[in-house]
Amino acid sequence: MKLRENETTDWWEEISKEEQASIEKGIQNANLGKLNSHSKARNLYEKWL
C-alpha cells in the first residue's frame, strides 16, 4: 500500500488510445461471456509456447 500512496499518475492515462480500446473490448467480451478457457488458449498457441 505504501507504493500505491506514492503513485502520482494513473497508468490508464499513460497507455495509448489503441491499448485502452483493446482493454475495453476485452472487458466487454468478458461481460458478455465471450471467454476462452486457458486450455483452449494453450492449444491455439502451443507452437509459440
Protein backbone atom coordinates (compact mmCIF):
# COMPACT_ATOMS: atom_id res chain seq x y z
CA MET A 1 0.00 0.00 0.00
CA LYS A 2 2.92 2.34 0.64
CA LEU A 3 3.92 2.07 -3.02
CA ARG A 4 0.39 2.93 -4.14
CA GLU A 5 0.35 6.01 -1.93
CA ASN A 6 3.40 7.37 -3.76
CA GLU A 7 1.90 6.97 -7.24
CA THR A 8 1.21 10.31 -8.83
CA THR A 9 -0.17 9.24 -12.21
CA ASP A 10 -2.79 6.80 -13.35
CA TRP A 11 -1.35 4.10 -15.65
CA TRP A 12 -4.51 4.31 -17.77
CA GLU A 13 -3.52 7.81 -18.87
CA GLU A 14 -0.05 6.60 -19.82
CA ILE A 15 -1.11 3.93 -22.31
CA SER A 16 -2.13 4.59 -25.91
CA LYS A 17 -5.72 5.00 -27.09
CA GLU A 18 -5.32 1.72 -29.00
CA GLU A 19 -4.31 -0.09 -25.81
CA GLN A 20 -7.23 1.46 -23.95
CA ALA A 21 -9.65 0.36 -26.69
CA SER A 22 -8.23 -3.17 -26.63
CA ILE A 23 -8.66 -3.42 -22.85
CA GLU A 24 -12.20 -2.05 -23.04
CA LYS A 25 -13.08 -4.55 -25.78
CA GLY A 26 -11.71 -7.38 -23.64
CA ILE A 27 -13.81 -6.26 -20.68
CA GLN A 28 -16.92 -6.08 -22.87
CA ASN A 29 -16.27 -9.59 -24.21
CA ALA A 30 -15.76 -10.92 -20.68
CA ASN A 31 -19.00 -9.30 -19.53
CA LEU A 32 -20.80 -10.99 -22.44
CA GLY A 33 -19.29 -14.37 -21.56
CA LYS A 34 -17.14 -14.46 -24.68
CA LEU A 35 -14.16 -16.09 -23.00
CA ASN A 36 -11.88 -18.98 -23.87
CA SER A 37 -10.53 -21.39 -21.32
CA HIS A 38 -6.83 -21.49 -20.50
CA SER A 39 -6.54 -24.97 -22.02
CA LYS A 40 -8.13 -23.79 -25.30
CA ALA A 41 -5.72 -20.84 -25.45
CA ARG A 42 -2.77 -23.16 -24.82
CA ASN A 43 -3.91 -25.41 -27.65
CA LEU A 44 -4.27 -22.45 -30.02
CA TYR A 45 -0.85 -21.01 -29.19
CA GLU A 46 1.03 -24.18 -28.26
CA LYS A 47 3.53 -23.87 -31.10
CA TRP A 48 4.71 -20.50 -29.73
CA LEU A 49 4.91 -21.53 -26.07
